[in-house]
Amino acid sequence: MELLTEHHPVSGPAVYGFLRLFRSSRARQGALLASLAEYCRGHELQLSDVFTDRDASGPDSAAFAGLMDVLALPDVYGVLVPAMSHLGPKAMAAERGRRIEAAGSRLLLIRKPRAAHHSVHRSGLVRAEPPAAVR
């Protein structure tokens, strides 16, 4: 009798992590790396490597250039970041996101951007704003 597929070691789609870390403690770096690894375990992805941007050299930093180089390799599924802010300030992050997708890769965010129509109340619950009156 054959074992179920879940019992066979298989490698998931390959992803590369990207972190933008300036003046971050070792504990924070470790926590971010752990979050990338945990996300991959939970989504059956293979974290192939993590590129870390440690300086504010602009959109073409050495780390981002290295990331773009590996995206040209066959069988790369995407890029994993904790949040869009790890790609840089808003304009830079948007441009980098476009470049990642233009390379044929998916941009995966562990923490999705919050929707503008939600608010956080004192209870900590997130509630949608009531819809505007229909006329």
N, C-alpha and C. Protein backbone atom coordinates (compact mmCIF):
# COMPACT_ATOMS: atom_id res chain seq x y z
N MET A 1 0.84 -1.17 0.00
CA MET A 1 0.00 0.00 0.00
C MET A 1 0.89 1.24 0.00
N GLU A 2 0.54 2.21 -0.82
CA GLU A 2 1.28 3.47 -0.92
C GLU A 2 0.90 4.43 0.20
N LEU A 3 1.87 5.20 0.65
CA LEU A 3 1.59 6.24 1.62
C LEU A 3 0.84 7.39 0.96
N LEU A 4 0.11 8.13 1.75
CA LEU A 4 -0.55 9.32 1.23
C LEU A 4 0.50 10.34 0.81
N THR A 5 0.15 11.19 -0.13
CA THR A 5 1.07 12.20 -0.63
C THR A 5 1.63 13.05 0.50
N GLU A 6 0.80 13.37 1.51
CA GLU A 6 1.23 14.23 2.61
C GLU A 6 2.39 13.62 3.40
N HIS A 7 2.62 12.31 3.25
CA HIS A 7 3.69 11.65 3.98
C HIS A 7 4.98 11.58 3.18
N HIS A 8 4.96 12.01 1.94
CA HIS A 8 6.15 12.02 1.11
C HIS A 8 6.78 13.40 1.18
N PRO A 9 8.10 13.47 1.32
CA PRO A 9 8.73 14.79 1.32
C PRO A 9 8.67 15.42 -0.06
N VAL A 10 8.06 16.55 -0.15
CA VAL A 10 7.99 17.28 -1.40
C VAL A 10 8.42 18.71 -1.13
N SER A 11 9.02 19.33 -2.12
CA SER A 11 9.39 20.73 -1.94
C SER A 11 8.34 21.59 -2.61
N GLY A 12 7.91 22.60 -1.87
CA GLY A 12 6.89 23.50 -2.39
C GLY A 12 7.49 24.49 -3.37
N PRO A 13 6.66 25.34 -3.89
CA PRO A 13 7.17 26.38 -4.80
C PRO A 13 8.23 27.23 -4.10
N ALA A 14 9.27 27.59 -4.83
CA ALA A 14 10.39 28.35 -4.27
C ALA A 14 10.03 29.83 -4.17
N VAL A 15 10.26 30.40 -3.00
CA VAL A 15 10.09 31.84 -2.78
C VAL A 15 11.37 32.39 -2.17
N TYR A 16 11.56 33.67 -2.34
CA TYR A 16 12.69 34.38 -1.75
C TYR A 16 12.14 35.47 -0.85
N GLY A 17 12.72 35.59 0.32
CA GLY A 17 12.30 36.63 1.24
C GLY A 17 13.07 37.91 0.99
N PHE A 18 12.47 39.03 1.40
CA PHE A 18 13.14 40.32 1.31
C PHE A 18 12.80 41.11 2.56
N LEU A 19 13.85 41.57 3.25
CA LEU A 19 13.69 42.37 4.45
C LEU A 19 14.44 43.67 4.29
N ARG A 20 13.86 44.74 4.74
CA ARG A 20 14.51 46.05 4.75
C ARG A 20 14.73 46.39 6.21
N LEU A 21 15.97 46.31 6.66
CA LEU A 21 16.28 46.47 8.09
C LEU A 21 17.31 47.56 8.31
N PHE A 22 16.88 48.63 8.92
CA PHE A 22 17.78 49.70 9.31
C PHE A 22 17.72 49.80 10.82
N ARG A 23 18.84 49.82 11.46
CA ARG A 23 18.92 49.95 12.91
C ARG A 23 17.99 48.98 13.64
N SER A 24 17.90 47.77 13.15
CA SER A 24 17.05 46.76 13.79
C SER A 24 17.89 45.90 14.72
N SER A 25 17.31 45.54 15.84
CA SER A 25 18.00 44.68 16.79
C SER A 25 18.08 43.26 16.24
N ARG A 26 18.98 42.49 16.80
CA ARG A 26 19.09 41.08 16.39
C ARG A 26 17.80 40.33 16.71
N ALA A 27 17.15 40.70 17.80
CA ALA A 27 15.89 40.04 18.17
C ALA A 27 14.82 40.30 17.10
N ARG A 28 14.73 41.54 16.64
CA ARG A 28 13.75 41.87 15.60
C ARG A 28 14.08 41.14 14.30
N GLN A 29 15.34 41.11 13.94
CA GLN A 29 15.75 40.40 12.73
C GLN A 29 15.38 38.92 12.83
N GLY A 30 15.65 38.34 14.00
CA GLY A 30 15.32 36.93 14.21
C GLY A 30 13.83 36.67 14.13
N ALA A 31 13.04 37.58 14.70
CA ALA A 31 11.59 37.44 14.67
C ALA A 31 11.06 37.54 13.24
N LEU A 32 11.61 38.47 12.46
CA LEU A 32 11.17 38.61 11.07
C LEU A 32 11.54 37.39 10.24
N LEU A 33 12.75 36.87 10.42
CA LEU A 33 13.15 35.66 9.71
C LEU A 33 12.26 34.48 10.10
N ALA A 34 11.94 34.39 11.39
CA ALA A 34 11.06 33.31 11.86
C ALA A 34 9.67 33.45 11.25
N SER A 35 9.18 34.68 11.10
CA SER A 35 7.85 34.87 10.52
C SER A 35 7.83 34.45 9.05
N LEU A 36 8.92 34.73 8.33
CA LEU A 36 9.00 34.28 6.93
C LEU A 36 8.99 32.76 6.86
N ALA A 37 9.79 32.13 7.71
CA ALA A 37 9.87 30.66 7.71
C ALA A 37 8.53 30.04 8.11
N GLU A 38 7.87 30.60 9.11
CA GLU A 38 6.58 30.07 9.56
C GLU A 38 5.51 30.21 8.47
N TYR A 39 5.50 31.35 7.80
CA TYR A 39 4.55 31.55 6.70
C TYR A 39 4.76 30.48 5.63
N CYS A 40 6.02 30.23 5.30
CA CYS A 40 6.31 29.23 4.28
C CYS A 40 5.88 27.83 4.72
N ARG A 41 6.13 27.49 5.98
CA ARG A 41 5.68 26.18 6.47
C ARG A 41 4.16 26.06 6.37
N GLY A 42 3.46 27.11 6.76
CA GLY A 42 2.00 27.07 6.76
C GLY A 42 1.38 27.08 5.37
N HIS A 43 2.13 27.56 4.38
CA HIS A 43 1.59 27.65 3.02
C HIS A 43 2.31 26.73 2.04
N GLU A 44 3.08 25.79 2.57
CA GLU A 44 3.79 24.79 1.78
C GLU A 44 4.67 25.42 0.70
N LEU A 45 5.43 26.43 1.12
CA LEU A 45 6.39 27.09 0.24
C LEU A 45 7.79 26.77 0.70
N GLN A 46 8.73 26.84 -0.20
CA GLN A 46 10.14 26.61 0.14
C GLN A 46 10.85 27.96 0.16
N LEU A 47 11.28 28.39 1.35
CA LEU A 47 12.02 29.64 1.48
C LEU A 47 13.46 29.37 1.06
N SER A 48 13.82 29.79 -0.16
CA SER A 48 15.12 29.48 -0.73
C SER A 48 16.23 30.34 -0.16
N ASP A 49 15.95 31.62 0.09
CA ASP A 49 16.95 32.53 0.64
C ASP A 49 16.24 33.81 1.04
N VAL A 50 16.92 34.64 1.81
CA VAL A 50 16.36 35.93 2.22
C VAL A 50 17.38 37.01 1.90
N PHE A 51 16.94 38.02 1.18
CA PHE A 51 17.77 39.17 0.86
C PHE A 51 17.46 40.26 1.86
N THR A 52 18.51 40.89 2.39
CA THR A 52 18.33 41.91 3.42
C THR A 52 18.94 43.22 2.96
N ASP A 53 18.10 44.23 2.89
CA ASP A 53 18.52 45.58 2.51
C ASP A 53 18.82 46.34 3.80
N ARG A 54 20.07 46.74 3.99
CA ARG A 54 20.48 47.39 5.23
C ARG A 54 20.85 48.86 5.06
N ASP A 55 20.73 49.38 3.85
CA ASP A 55 21.06 50.80 3.66
C ASP A 55 20.00 51.47 2.81
N ALA A 56 20.01 52.76 2.83
CA ALA A 56 19.00 53.53 2.10
C ALA A 56 19.55 54.02 0.77
N SER A 57 20.10 53.09 0.01
CA SER A 57 20.75 53.48 -1.23
C SER A 57 19.78 53.68 -2.39
N GLY A 58 18.52 53.57 -2.14
CA GLY A 58 17.55 53.80 -3.20
C GLY A 58 16.96 52.51 -3.74
N PRO A 59 16.18 52.62 -4.80
CA PRO A 59 15.45 51.46 -5.32
C PRO A 59 16.34 50.38 -5.92
N ASP A 60 17.56 50.71 -6.26
CA ASP A 60 18.46 49.72 -6.87
C ASP A 60 19.56 49.30 -5.92
N SER A 61 19.22 49.02 -4.67
CA SER A 61 20.21 48.57 -3.69
C SER A 61 20.78 47.22 -4.13
N ALA A 62 21.91 46.86 -3.57
CA ALA A 62 22.54 45.58 -3.90
C ALA A 62 21.63 44.42 -3.55
N ALA A 63 20.94 44.50 -2.42
CA ALA A 63 20.04 43.41 -2.01
C ALA A 63 18.89 43.26 -3.01
N PHE A 64 18.29 44.37 -3.43
CA PHE A 64 17.18 44.27 -4.37
C PHE A 64 17.66 43.81 -5.73
N ALA A 65 18.84 44.25 -6.15
CA ALA A 65 19.40 43.79 -7.43
C ALA A 65 19.63 42.28 -7.38
N GLY A 66 20.14 41.79 -6.25
CA GLY A 66 20.33 40.34 -6.10
C GLY A 66 19.01 39.59 -6.16
N LEU A 67 17.99 40.15 -5.51
CA LEU A 67 16.66 39.54 -5.56
C LEU A 67 16.16 39.46 -7.00
N MET A 68 16.30 40.56 -7.73
CA MET A 68 15.84 40.56 -9.12
C MET A 68 16.60 39.55 -9.96
N ASP A 69 17.88 39.35 -9.67
CA ASP A 69 18.67 38.35 -10.40
C ASP A 69 18.12 36.95 -10.20
N VAL A 70 17.79 36.58 -8.95
CA VAL A 70 17.30 35.22 -8.71
C VAL A 70 15.89 35.02 -9.25
N LEU A 71 15.13 36.10 -9.43
CA LEU A 71 13.79 35.95 -9.99
C LEU A 71 13.83 35.50 -11.44
N ALA A 72 14.99 35.65 -12.07
CA ALA A 72 15.14 35.19 -13.46
C ALA A 72 15.38 33.68 -13.53
N LEU A 73 15.65 33.05 -12.39
CA LEU A 73 15.87 31.60 -12.38
C LEU A 73 14.55 30.87 -12.66
N PRO A 74 14.65 29.66 -13.21
CA PRO A 74 13.41 28.91 -13.47
C PRO A 74 12.77 28.45 -12.16
N ASP A 75 11.47 28.30 -12.17
CA ASP A 75 10.70 27.75 -11.05
C ASP A 75 10.67 28.60 -9.79
N VAL A 76 10.85 29.90 -9.93
CA VAL A 76 10.70 30.79 -8.77
C VAL A 76 9.25 31.23 -8.73
N TYR A 77 8.61 31.01 -7.60
CA TYR A 77 7.19 31.34 -7.46
C TYR A 77 6.98 32.79 -7.09
N GLY A 78 7.77 33.30 -6.14
CA GLY A 78 7.53 34.67 -5.73
C GLY A 78 8.47 35.20 -4.68
N VAL A 79 8.11 36.39 -4.19
CA VAL A 79 8.88 37.11 -3.18
C VAL A 79 7.97 37.29 -1.96
N LEU A 80 8.51 36.97 -0.79
CA LEU A 80 7.76 37.07 0.45
C LEU A 80 8.34 38.19 1.30
N VAL A 81 7.47 39.10 1.73
CA VAL A 81 7.87 40.19 2.63
C VAL A 81 6.88 40.26 3.78
N PRO A 82 7.34 40.69 4.97
CA PRO A 82 6.41 40.82 6.09
C PRO A 82 5.30 41.84 5.82
N ALA A 83 5.63 42.94 5.16
CA ALA A 83 4.68 44.00 4.83
C ALA A 83 5.28 44.81 3.68
N MET A 84 4.44 45.60 3.01
CA MET A 84 4.93 46.41 1.89
C MET A 84 6.05 47.35 2.31
N SER A 85 6.06 47.78 3.55
CA SER A 85 7.10 48.71 4.01
C SER A 85 8.50 48.12 3.89
N HIS A 86 8.61 46.80 3.79
CA HIS A 86 9.93 46.19 3.63
C HIS A 86 10.48 46.39 2.22
N LEU A 87 9.64 46.83 1.31
CA LEU A 87 10.14 47.16 -0.02
C LEU A 87 10.57 48.62 -0.10
N GLY A 88 10.31 49.41 0.95
CA GLY A 88 10.73 50.80 0.98
C GLY A 88 9.56 51.73 1.23
N PRO A 89 9.83 53.04 1.14
CA PRO A 89 8.74 54.01 1.25
C PRO A 89 7.70 53.75 0.16
N LYS A 90 6.51 54.32 0.30
CA LYS A 90 5.38 53.98 -0.58
C LYS A 90 5.70 53.99 -2.07
N ALA A 91 6.30 55.06 -2.56
CA ALA A 91 6.59 55.15 -4.00
C ALA A 91 7.60 54.08 -4.42
N MET A 92 8.64 53.89 -3.61
CA MET A 92 9.66 52.89 -3.93
C MET A 92 9.06 51.49 -3.84
N ALA A 93 8.24 51.25 -2.81
CA ALA A 93 7.61 49.93 -2.65
C ALA A 93 6.71 49.61 -3.84
N ALA A 94 5.96 50.59 -4.29
CA ALA A 94 5.08 50.37 -5.45
C ALA A 94 5.90 50.03 -6.69
N GLU A 95 6.98 50.77 -6.92
CA GLU A 95 7.84 50.51 -8.07
C GLU A 95 8.49 49.13 -7.97
N ARG A 96 9.01 48.81 -6.79
CA ARG A 96 9.63 47.49 -6.61
C ARG A 96 8.60 46.38 -6.80
N GLY A 97 7.39 46.58 -6.31
CA GLY A 97 6.34 45.59 -6.50
C GLY A 97 6.04 45.37 -7.97
N ARG A 98 5.99 46.45 -8.73
CA ARG A 98 5.77 46.33 -10.19
C ARG A 98 6.91 45.57 -10.85
N ARG A 99 8.13 45.84 -10.42
CA ARG A 99 9.28 45.15 -11.02
C ARG A 99 9.26 43.66 -10.70
N ILE A 100 8.88 43.32 -9.48
CA ILE A 100 8.79 41.90 -9.09
C ILE A 100 7.74 41.20 -9.95
N GLU A 101 6.58 41.81 -10.09
CA GLU A 101 5.52 41.20 -10.89
C GLU A 101 5.87 41.18 -12.38
N ALA A 102 6.58 42.19 -12.86
CA ALA A 102 7.01 42.21 -14.27
C ALA A 102 8.01 41.08 -14.55
N ALA A 103 8.71 40.65 -13.51
CA ALA A 103 9.66 39.54 -13.66
C ALA A 103 8.93 38.19 -13.67
N GLY A 104 7.60 38.23 -13.52
CA GLY A 104 6.82 37.00 -13.56
C GLY A 104 6.65 36.34 -12.21
N SER A 105 6.95 37.04 -11.14
CA SER A 105 6.85 36.48 -9.79
C SER A 105 5.67 37.10 -9.04
N ARG A 106 5.21 36.38 -8.05
CA ARG A 106 4.14 36.90 -7.18
C ARG A 106 4.78 37.63 -6.01
N LEU A 107 4.12 38.66 -5.55
CA LEU A 107 4.53 39.37 -4.35
C LEU A 107 3.60 38.92 -3.23
N LEU A 108 4.15 38.24 -2.24
CA LEU A 108 3.37 37.69 -1.13
C LEU A 108 3.63 38.51 0.12
N LEU A 109 2.56 38.97 0.75
CA LEU A 109 2.66 39.78 1.96
C LEU A 109 2.14 38.98 3.15
N ILE A 110 2.94 38.90 4.20
CA ILE A 110 2.47 38.24 5.41
C ILE A 110 1.37 39.08 6.04
N ARG A 111 1.61 40.38 6.12
CA ARG A 111 0.62 41.30 6.70
C ARG A 111 0.07 42.16 5.58
N LYS A 112 -1.20 41.96 5.30
CA LYS A 112 -1.86 42.70 4.23
C LYS A 112 -2.11 44.14 4.67
N PRO A 113 -2.12 45.09 3.74
CA PRO A 113 -2.44 46.47 4.10
C PRO A 113 -3.86 46.55 4.65
N ARG A 114 -4.04 47.43 5.61
CA ARG A 114 -5.38 47.60 6.19
C ARG A 114 -6.26 48.36 5.20
N ALA A 115 -7.51 47.95 5.14
CA ALA A 115 -8.47 48.63 4.27
C ALA A 115 -8.84 49.97 4.88
N ALA A 116 -9.06 50.97 4.05
CA ALA A 116 -9.36 52.32 4.52
C ALA A 116 -10.74 52.41 5.17
N HIS A 117 -11.64 51.49 4.86
CA HIS A 117 -12.99 51.59 5.40
C HIS A 117 -13.17 50.88 6.74
N HIS A 118 -12.11 50.38 7.33
CA HIS A 118 -12.18 49.74 8.64
C HIS A 118 -11.60 50.66 9.70
N SER A 119 -12.09 50.51 10.91
CA SER A 119 -11.53 51.27 12.02
C SER A 119 -11.37 50.35 13.22
N VAL A 120 -10.43 50.69 14.07
CA VAL A 120 -10.18 49.90 15.27
C VAL A 120 -10.83 50.62 16.44
N HIS A 121 -11.67 49.90 17.15
CA HIS A 121 -12.35 50.46 18.31
C HIS A 121 -11.58 50.11 19.57
N ARG A 122 -11.91 50.75 20.67
CA ARG A 122 -11.21 50.51 21.94
C ARG A 122 -11.20 49.04 22.33
N SER A 123 -12.20 48.31 21.94
CA SER A 123 -12.27 46.89 22.30
C SER A 123 -11.20 46.09 21.55
N GLY A 124 -10.57 46.70 20.55
CA GLY A 124 -9.58 45.99 19.76
C GLY A 124 -10.17 45.31 18.54
N LEU A 125 -11.50 45.33 18.44
CA LEU A 125 -12.14 44.70 17.29
C LEU A 125 -12.10 45.62 16.10
N VAL A 126 -11.94 45.05 14.95
CA VAL A 126 -11.96 45.83 13.71
C VAL A 126 -13.37 45.74 13.15
N ARG A 127 -13.97 46.88 12.91
CA ARG A 127 -15.34 46.91 12.40
C ARG A 127 -15.39 47.73 11.13
N ALA A 128 -16.21 47.27 10.21
CA ALA A 128 -16.39 48.03 8.97
C ALA A 128 -17.26 49.24 9.27
N GLU A 129 -16.95 50.34 8.62
CA GLU A 129 -17.77 51.54 8.75
C GLU A 129 -19.12 51.28 8.11
N PRO A 130 -20.21 51.81 8.67
CA PRO A 130 -21.52 51.59 8.04
C PRO A 130 -21.54 52.23 6.65
N PRO A 131 -22.25 51.60 5.72
CA PRO A 131 -22.31 52.16 4.36
C PRO A 131 -23.06 53.48 4.36
N ALA A 132 -22.71 54.32 3.40
CA ALA A 132 -23.41 55.60 3.25
C ALA A 132 -24.85 55.32 2.88
N ALA A 133 -25.72 56.25 3.25
CA ALA A 133 -27.14 56.09 2.95
C ALA A 133 -27.36 56.04 1.45
N VAL A 134 -28.22 55.16 1.03
CA VAL A 134 -28.54 55.03 -0.39
C VAL A 134 -29.64 56.03 -0.72
N ARG A 135 -29.44 56.81 -1.76
CA ARG A 135 -30.45 57.82 -2.15
C ARG A 135 -31.18 57.41 -3.38
